[in-house]
């Protein structure tokens, strides 16, 4: 028996702007269960402001699935989910 650990694949993007990196960072607190994975900041043309497009990825919602072999386990991974690990049970 194999046991797989899965989680949903979901991302959100947020546009923020501010005067400097500190102002940008203060606006980018990740909601519970989410992680900030990217936030490149670029200067706005003609101003001193920075604009950033932040990407948050969902990191909660873990579940286990079971199957007799690897192919059966992979077939059980629902659309929109990813298989994180496989172990023998």
Protein backbone atom coordinates (compact mmCIF):
# COMPACT_ATOMS: atom_id res chain seq x y z
CA UNK A 1 0.00 0.00 0.00
CA UNK A 2 1.26 3.46 -0.93
CA UNK A 3 0.19 6.66 0.79
CA UNK A 4 0.46 9.97 -1.04
CA UNK A 5 0.38 13.44 0.46
CA UNK A 6 -1.43 15.96 -1.76
CA UNK A 7 -2.34 19.65 -1.60
CA UNK A 8 -4.30 22.02 -3.83
CA UNK A 9 -2.49 24.07 -6.45
CA UNK A 10 -3.78 27.60 -6.17
CA UNK A 11 -2.13 30.98 -6.57
CA UNK A 12 -3.27 34.57 -6.18
CA UNK A 13 -1.64 37.73 -7.42
CA UNK A 14 -1.86 41.16 -5.84
CA UNK A 15 -0.65 44.49 -7.21
CA UNK A 16 0.85 46.86 -4.62
CA UNK A 17 2.73 50.14 -4.77
CA UNK A 18 4.61 52.23 -2.28
CA UNK A 19 7.54 54.52 -1.57
CA UNK A 20 10.37 52.04 -1.14
CA UNK A 21 10.77 48.34 -0.43
CA UNK A 22 9.69 48.65 3.21
CA UNK A 23 6.33 50.12 2.15
CA UNK A 24 5.90 47.30 -0.35
CA UNK A 25 6.83 44.61 2.20
CA UNK A 26 4.35 45.96 4.77
CA UNK A 27 1.52 45.34 2.29
CA UNK A 28 2.50 41.75 1.55
CA UNK A 29 1.46 39.79 4.61
CA UNK A 30 0.44 36.31 3.45
CA UNK A 31 -3.02 35.15 4.56
CA UNK A 32 -3.09 32.08 6.81
CA UNK A 33 -2.36 28.95 4.80
CA UNK A 34 -0.65 30.91 2.02
CA UNK A 35 2.99 31.76 1.28
CA UNK A 36 4.49 34.67 -0.60
CA UNK A 37 6.47 33.08 -3.46
CA UNK A 38 7.34 36.08 -5.61
CA UNK A 39 7.13 39.89 -5.44
CA UNK A 40 9.41 41.62 -7.94
CA UNK A 41 9.36 45.40 -7.39
CA UNK A 42 9.99 47.81 -10.24
CA UNK A 43 10.14 51.61 -10.28
CA UNK A 44 7.13 53.39 -11.75
CA UNK A 45 8.04 55.52 -14.74
CA UNK A 46 8.29 59.19 -13.86
CA UNK A 47 7.80 58.76 -10.08
CA UNK A 48 9.67 57.55 -7.02
CA UNK A 49 7.07 54.86 -6.36
CA UNK A 50 7.73 51.15 -6.66
CA UNK A 51 5.15 48.78 -8.08
CA UNK A 52 5.16 45.07 -7.25
CA UNK A 53 3.13 42.11 -8.45
CA UNK A 54 3.06 39.66 -5.56
CA UNK A 55 2.23 36.00 -6.04
CA UNK A 56 0.92 33.96 -3.13
CA UNK A 57 0.64 30.14 -3.26
CA UNK A 58 -1.69 28.07 -1.14
CA UNK A 59 0.18 25.79 1.28
CA UNK A 60 -2.62 24.34 3.40
CA UNK A 61 -5.31 21.77 2.65
CA UNK A 62 -3.03 18.73 2.92
CA UNK A 63 -4.72 15.37 2.44
CA UNK A 64 -3.64 11.76 2.15
CA UNK A 65 -4.64 9.31 -0.55
CA UNK A 66 -3.95 5.58 -0.73
CA UNK A 67 -3.48 3.09 -3.55
CA UNK A 68 -1.85 -0.26 -4.26
CA UNK A 69 0.76 1.04 -6.72
CA UNK A 70 2.25 4.29 -8.04
CA UNK A 71 0.11 4.46 -11.19
CA UNK A 72 -3.08 3.99 -9.19
CA UNK A 73 -1.94 6.63 -6.71
CA UNK A 74 -1.22 9.13 -9.49
CA UNK A 75 -4.65 8.42 -11.00
CA UNK A 76 -6.25 9.41 -7.68
CA UNK A 77 -4.70 12.90 -7.62
CA UNK A 78 -7.61 15.24 -8.39
CA UNK A 79 -7.41 17.99 -11.01
CA UNK A 80 -5.96 21.13 -9.41
CA UNK A 81 -3.95 19.19 -6.81
CA UNK A 82 -0.32 18.14 -6.66
CA UNK A 83 1.33 15.06 -5.22
CA UNK A 84 3.97 16.10 -2.69
CA UNK A 85 5.29 12.76 -1.44
CA UNK A 86 4.77 9.01 -1.53
CA UNK A 87 5.49 6.57 1.27
CA UNK A 88 4.75 2.93 2.00
CA UNK A 89 2.00 2.32 4.51
